[in-house]
Amino acid sequence: MKLIHIHEGMIDSHLHLLEMRRKGLKPERVMEKCFHGGLSFALDIGITGDDLDDRLALGAPFPNLYHTTGLYPGFAESDNSDLKLRLDLINEQATHEQVIGIGEIGLDFHWNYGTKEKQIKLFAEQIEIANTHDLPVIVHNRKADRETYDVLQSLPPKAGGIMHCFSSDLGWAQKFYNLGFQISFCGNLTYKNARNIRDSARALPNDAILVETDAPYLSPQKVRGEVNHPGNIGYTYEILAEVRCTALDQFINIVSANFIRLFHL
């Protein structure tokens, strides 16, 4: 792991501790360096429903490292008995004090996991769990803008949520924001061909914006090709502040306030 690029008060609203470890990083050392370097909050995202204990153990030394639990859309391919066990487990895990959201849940029509109907059903079932526990949802949406919007409109998450790694256009950003969602931008915003994403980030109101790494994926342009980690969050912050014509220290405060408000921290 190279030097971290963080300014005091930055947050990372979406990372995967266990995926970082699978990519050869040492999450405990990474997070220690990041928090020591100025990171104020981080959110470790669940995707399988059965690994929370391992993630809690990794996060235990860091009181401002929180977790979510949820099933990634790929689990739409699982059989019903496996899904029931995992959903029951998620329902139990949602009561843990360090679990502050349900996700990563949603729709992915790029890979066509299972069928669209099964993905939508799994998405809706997890929104219902989130509503039972009054927790925000963290939403994965890939090539499924209309269907994701329709599910969220018909079954509104009571505690709101985050559109993770937002990669659609401004029209959809505004629609999701109007449903009560915050829009989280990732390292792909920094890519040269990401004009539509930057246009969305430029036009949204201050209270809509979050920032994430999606570590170990989607490294920002300056470290593209390397395994991503939360220490790279500053590169995305800097581009976002620039396109929004906002001083970096002011933008850091805006994003932090949004994260704290959403999760009641």
Protein backbone atom coordinates (compact mmCIF):
# COMPACT_ATOMS: atom_id res chain seq x y z
CA MET A 1 0.00 0.00 0.00
CA LYS A 2 1.38 3.37 -1.03
CA LEU A 3 0.97 6.64 0.83
CA ILE A 4 -2.58 7.62 1.67
CA HIS A 5 -4.21 10.65 0.07
CA ILE A 6 -6.63 11.90 2.72
CA HIS A 7 -7.47 15.27 4.23
CA GLU A 8 -8.80 15.66 7.75
CA GLY A 9 -12.53 14.97 8.01
CA MET A 10 -13.04 12.92 4.83
CA ILE A 11 -15.38 9.92 4.87
CA ASP A 12 -15.58 6.77 2.76
CA SER A 13 -19.22 5.77 2.40
CA HIS A 14 -18.58 2.42 0.68
CA LEU A 15 -15.73 -0.07 0.99
CA HIS A 16 -15.35 -3.86 1.29
CA LEU A 17 -12.92 -5.03 3.98
CA LEU A 18 -12.95 -8.70 3.03
CA GLU A 19 -12.63 -7.98 -0.68
CA MET A 20 -9.62 -5.80 0.13
CA ARG A 21 -8.07 -8.74 1.94
CA ARG A 22 -8.79 -11.05 -1.00
CA LYS A 23 -6.93 -8.60 -3.23
CA GLY A 24 -3.82 -8.85 -1.05
CA LEU A 25 -4.26 -5.84 1.24
CA LYS A 26 -4.21 -6.01 5.03
CA PRO A 27 -7.44 -4.24 6.01
CA GLU A 28 -6.45 -3.65 9.65
CA ARG A 29 -3.26 -1.84 8.64
CA VAL A 30 -4.98 0.05 5.84
CA MET A 31 -7.74 1.33 8.11
CA GLU A 32 -5.28 2.22 10.88
CA LYS A 33 -3.29 4.38 8.46
CA CYS A 34 -6.44 5.97 7.04
CA PHE A 35 -8.01 6.90 10.36
CA HIS A 36 -4.66 8.12 11.65
CA GLY A 37 -4.32 10.17 8.46
CA GLY A 38 -7.61 12.00 8.89
CA LEU A 39 -10.45 9.73 7.76
CA SER A 40 -13.40 10.46 10.06
CA PHE A 41 -15.93 7.74 9.12
CA ALA A 42 -16.00 4.65 6.92
CA LEU A 43 -18.71 2.18 5.98
CA ASP A 44 -17.86 -1.47 5.24
CA ILE A 45 -20.49 -2.95 2.93
CA GLY A 46 -21.90 -6.48 3.09
CA ILE A 47 -22.62 -8.54 -0.02
CA THR A 48 -23.10 -12.16 1.16
CA GLY A 49 -25.03 -12.02 4.43
CA ASP A 50 -22.86 -14.65 6.13
CA ASP A 51 -19.56 -12.87 6.80
CA LEU A 52 -20.49 -10.16 9.30
CA ASP A 53 -18.55 -11.72 12.20
CA ASP A 54 -15.29 -11.58 10.22
CA ARG A 55 -15.96 -8.00 9.18
CA LEU A 56 -16.84 -6.94 12.74
CA ALA A 57 -13.56 -8.45 13.95
CA LEU A 58 -11.59 -6.46 11.37
CA GLY A 59 -13.42 -3.28 12.30
CA ALA A 60 -13.34 -3.70 16.07
CA PRO A 61 -10.32 -1.41 16.68
CA PHE A 62 -12.01 1.48 14.86
CA PRO A 63 -15.15 2.93 16.50
CA ASN A 64 -15.96 5.06 13.45
CA LEU A 65 -15.85 2.09 11.06
CA TYR A 66 -19.43 0.92 10.63
CA HIS A 67 -20.95 -1.96 8.68
CA THR A 68 -23.96 -2.94 6.62
CA THR A 69 -25.43 -6.34 5.84
CA GLY A 70 -27.14 -7.41 2.65
CA LEU A 71 -27.17 -9.58 -0.44
CA TYR A 72 -25.64 -8.45 -3.72
CA PRO A 73 -27.93 -8.93 -6.77
CA GLY A 74 -25.92 -11.98 -7.83
CA PHE A 75 -27.68 -13.97 -5.10
CA ALA A 76 -30.80 -13.92 -7.26
CA GLU A 77 -29.26 -17.04 -8.78
CA SER A 78 -29.37 -18.90 -5.43
CA ASP A 79 -32.02 -21.46 -4.60
CA ASN A 80 -34.92 -20.45 -2.38
CA SER A 81 -33.76 -22.35 0.72
CA ASP A 82 -30.33 -20.68 0.65
CA LEU A 83 -31.89 -17.26 0.15
CA LYS A 84 -34.27 -17.77 3.07
CA LEU A 85 -31.39 -18.66 5.39
CA ARG A 86 -29.38 -15.63 4.30
CA LEU A 87 -32.33 -13.24 4.55
CA ASP A 88 -33.17 -14.53 8.03
CA LEU A 89 -29.56 -13.96 9.03
CA ILE A 90 -29.60 -10.42 7.64
CA ASN A 91 -32.77 -9.71 9.62
CA GLU A 92 -30.95 -10.80 12.79
CA GLN A 93 -27.75 -8.91 11.97
CA ALA A 94 -29.68 -5.69 11.41
CA THR A 95 -30.02 -5.32 15.19
CA HIS A 96 -26.25 -5.13 15.82
CA GLU A 97 -25.14 -1.72 17.06
CA GLN A 98 -22.38 -1.43 14.43
CA VAL A 99 -24.74 -2.32 11.56
CA ILE A 100 -26.22 0.93 10.31
CA GLY A 101 -27.61 0.01 6.89
CA ILE A 102 -28.89 -2.73 4.58
CA GLY A 103 -26.83 -3.26 1.47
CA GLU A 104 -25.38 -3.69 -0.99
CA ILE A 105 -28.74 -4.50 -2.53
CA GLY A 106 -30.34 -3.67 -5.86
CA LEU A 107 -30.38 -4.61 -9.51
CA ASP A 108 -27.67 -5.51 -12.02
CA PHE A 109 -28.90 -6.07 -15.57
CA HIS A 110 -25.41 -5.90 -17.02
CA TRP A 111 -24.65 -9.41 -15.78
CA ASN A 112 -28.27 -10.63 -15.81
CA TYR A 113 -28.02 -12.57 -12.57
CA GLY A 114 -30.88 -15.06 -12.36
CA THR A 115 -33.84 -13.29 -13.93
CA LYS A 116 -34.99 -9.70 -13.68
CA GLU A 117 -38.01 -10.87 -11.70
CA LYS A 118 -35.83 -12.72 -9.16
CA GLN A 119 -33.52 -9.74 -8.76
CA ILE A 120 -36.48 -7.42 -8.17
CA LYS A 121 -37.98 -9.82 -5.62
CA LEU A 122 -34.70 -10.08 -3.69
CA PHE A 123 -34.29 -6.30 -3.78
CA ALA A 124 -37.81 -5.75 -2.43
CA GLU A 125 -37.41 -8.34 0.33
CA GLN A 126 -34.33 -6.54 1.62
CA ILE A 127 -36.01 -3.14 1.50
CA GLU A 128 -38.68 -4.64 3.74
CA ILE A 129 -35.99 -5.78 6.19
CA ALA A 130 -34.51 -2.27 6.17
CA ASN A 131 -37.94 -0.78 6.86
CA THR A 132 -38.53 -3.20 9.73
CA HIS A 133 -35.35 -1.95 11.41
CA ASP A 134 -35.57 1.68 10.24
CA LEU A 135 -32.22 1.46 8.44
CA PRO A 136 -31.09 3.16 5.23
CA VAL A 137 -30.40 1.04 2.15
CA ILE A 138 -27.27 1.06 0.00
CA VAL A 139 -28.36 0.50 -3.60
CA HIS A 140 -26.45 -1.15 -6.44
CA ASN A 141 -27.84 -0.09 -9.83
CA ARG A 142 -26.19 -1.19 -13.05
CA LYS A 143 -28.03 -0.71 -16.32
CA ALA A 144 -31.32 -0.82 -14.41
CA ASP A 145 -32.23 2.83 -13.81
CA ARG A 146 -35.93 2.52 -14.61
CA GLU A 147 -36.50 -0.73 -12.75
CA THR A 148 -34.50 0.43 -9.71
CA TYR A 149 -36.49 3.64 -9.60
CA ASP A 150 -39.79 1.78 -9.93
CA VAL A 151 -38.97 -0.53 -7.01
CA LEU A 152 -37.87 2.36 -4.78
CA GLN A 153 -40.94 4.38 -5.70
CA SER A 154 -43.37 1.52 -5.06
CA LEU A 155 -41.64 0.34 -1.87
CA PRO A 156 -40.00 3.44 -0.36
CA PRO A 157 -37.18 2.86 2.11
CA LYS A 158 -38.39 4.65 5.23
CA ALA A 159 -34.91 5.73 6.31
CA GLY A 160 -33.72 6.75 2.84
CA GLY A 161 -30.45 5.50 1.49
CA ILE A 162 -27.54 5.84 -0.89
CA MET A 163 -27.26 5.32 -4.62
CA HIS A 164 -23.84 3.66 -4.59
CA CYS A 165 -21.20 4.44 -7.23
CA PHE A 166 -23.60 6.61 -9.19
CA SER A 167 -22.85 6.30 -12.90
CA SER A 168 -26.03 7.47 -14.65
CA ASP A 169 -27.02 10.89 -15.95
CA LEU A 170 -28.31 13.98 -14.18
CA GLY A 171 -31.95 13.19 -14.90
CA TRP A 172 -31.75 9.93 -12.96
CA ALA A 173 -29.66 11.53 -10.22
CA GLN A 174 -32.41 14.08 -9.66
CA LYS A 175 -35.11 11.40 -9.68
CA PHE A 176 -33.33 9.33 -7.02
CA TYR A 177 -32.59 12.45 -4.98
CA ASN A 178 -36.28 13.35 -5.08
CA LEU A 179 -37.04 9.91 -3.61
CA GLY A 180 -34.91 10.85 -0.60
CA PHE A 181 -31.59 9.31 -1.65
CA GLN A 182 -28.08 10.60 -1.38
CA ILE A 183 -25.91 10.15 -4.45
CA SER A 184 -22.47 8.66 -3.81
CA PHE A 185 -19.65 9.23 -6.28
CA CYS A 186 -16.70 6.92 -6.75
CA GLY A 187 -13.30 6.83 -8.45
CA ASN A 188 -14.86 6.40 -11.90
CA LEU A 189 -15.93 10.05 -11.69
CA THR A 190 -12.25 10.92 -12.19
CA TYR A 191 -11.93 9.02 -15.49
CA LYS A 192 -11.47 11.05 -18.65
CA ASN A 193 -14.62 9.64 -20.29
CA ALA A 194 -16.86 10.27 -17.25
CA ARG A 195 -18.33 13.60 -18.35
CA ASN A 196 -21.93 12.51 -17.66
CA ILE A 197 -21.05 11.51 -14.10
CA ARG A 198 -19.27 14.81 -13.48
CA ASP A 199 -22.25 16.70 -14.92
CA SER A 200 -24.48 14.95 -12.39
CA ALA A 201 -22.09 15.73 -9.56
CA ARG A 202 -21.87 19.37 -10.59
CA ALA A 203 -25.62 20.04 -10.61
CA LEU A 204 -26.90 18.26 -7.51
CA PRO A 205 -27.57 20.21 -4.30
CA ASN A 206 -25.09 20.06 -1.43
CA ASP A 207 -27.24 17.80 0.72
CA ALA A 208 -27.28 15.11 -1.98
CA ILE A 209 -23.56 14.27 -2.15
CA LEU A 210 -21.50 11.45 -0.67
CA VAL A 211 -18.07 10.09 -1.65
CA GLU A 212 -16.79 6.51 -1.70
CA THR A 213 -13.92 4.35 -2.90
CA ASP A 214 -15.73 1.01 -3.43
CA ALA A 215 -12.35 -0.39 -2.38
CA PRO A 216 -10.75 -2.56 -3.62
CA TYR A 217 -12.41 -1.63 -6.93
CA LEU A 218 -12.59 1.45 -9.18
CA SER A 219 -9.33 3.16 -8.30
CA PRO A 220 -9.25 6.88 -9.20
CA GLN A 221 -7.47 7.94 -12.37
CA LYS A 222 -4.17 8.83 -10.66
CA VAL A 223 -3.82 5.28 -9.28
CA ARG A 224 -5.85 3.45 -11.89
CA GLY A 225 -4.76 -0.14 -12.35
CA GLU A 226 -3.77 -0.52 -8.71
CA VAL A 227 -5.79 -2.23 -5.99
CA ASN A 228 -7.97 0.48 -4.51
CA HIS A 229 -8.16 1.32 -0.80
CA PRO A 230 -9.77 4.05 1.34
CA GLY A 231 -6.51 5.99 1.38
CA ASN A 232 -7.29 7.02 -2.20
CA ILE A 233 -10.54 8.78 -1.27
CA GLY A 234 -8.89 12.20 -1.51
CA TYR A 235 -8.45 11.98 -5.27
CA THR A 236 -12.20 11.71 -5.80
CA TYR A 237 -12.95 14.43 -3.24
CA GLU A 238 -10.61 16.82 -5.03
CA ILE A 239 -12.21 16.30 -8.44
CA LEU A 240 -15.70 16.60 -6.96
CA ALA A 241 -14.84 19.84 -5.16
CA GLU A 242 -13.32 21.19 -8.36
CA VAL A 243 -16.32 20.41 -10.59
CA ARG A 244 -18.66 21.87 -7.95
CA CYS A 245 -16.51 25.02 -7.64
CA THR A 246 -16.30 24.52 -3.89
CA ALA A 247 -13.28 24.91 -1.62
CA LEU A 248 -12.03 21.49 -0.56
CA ASP A 249 -12.32 22.12 3.19
CA GLN A 250 -15.90 23.34 2.75
CA PHE A 251 -16.76 20.34 0.58
CA ILE A 252 -15.32 17.94 3.18
CA ASN A 253 -17.64 19.46 5.78
CA ILE A 254 -20.65 19.18 3.47
CA VAL A 255 -20.07 15.47 2.77
CA SER A 256 -19.40 14.67 6.42
CA ALA A 257 -22.63 16.38 7.47
CA ASN A 258 -24.59 14.38 4.88
CA PHE A 259 -23.16 11.08 6.14
CA ILE A 260 -23.78 11.91 9.78
CA ARG A 261 -27.35 13.02 9.07
CA LEU A 262 -28.27 9.93 7.07
CA PHE A 263 -26.99 7.48 9.66
CA HIS A 264 -27.83 9.51 12.80
CA LEU A 265 -24.22 9.39 14.03
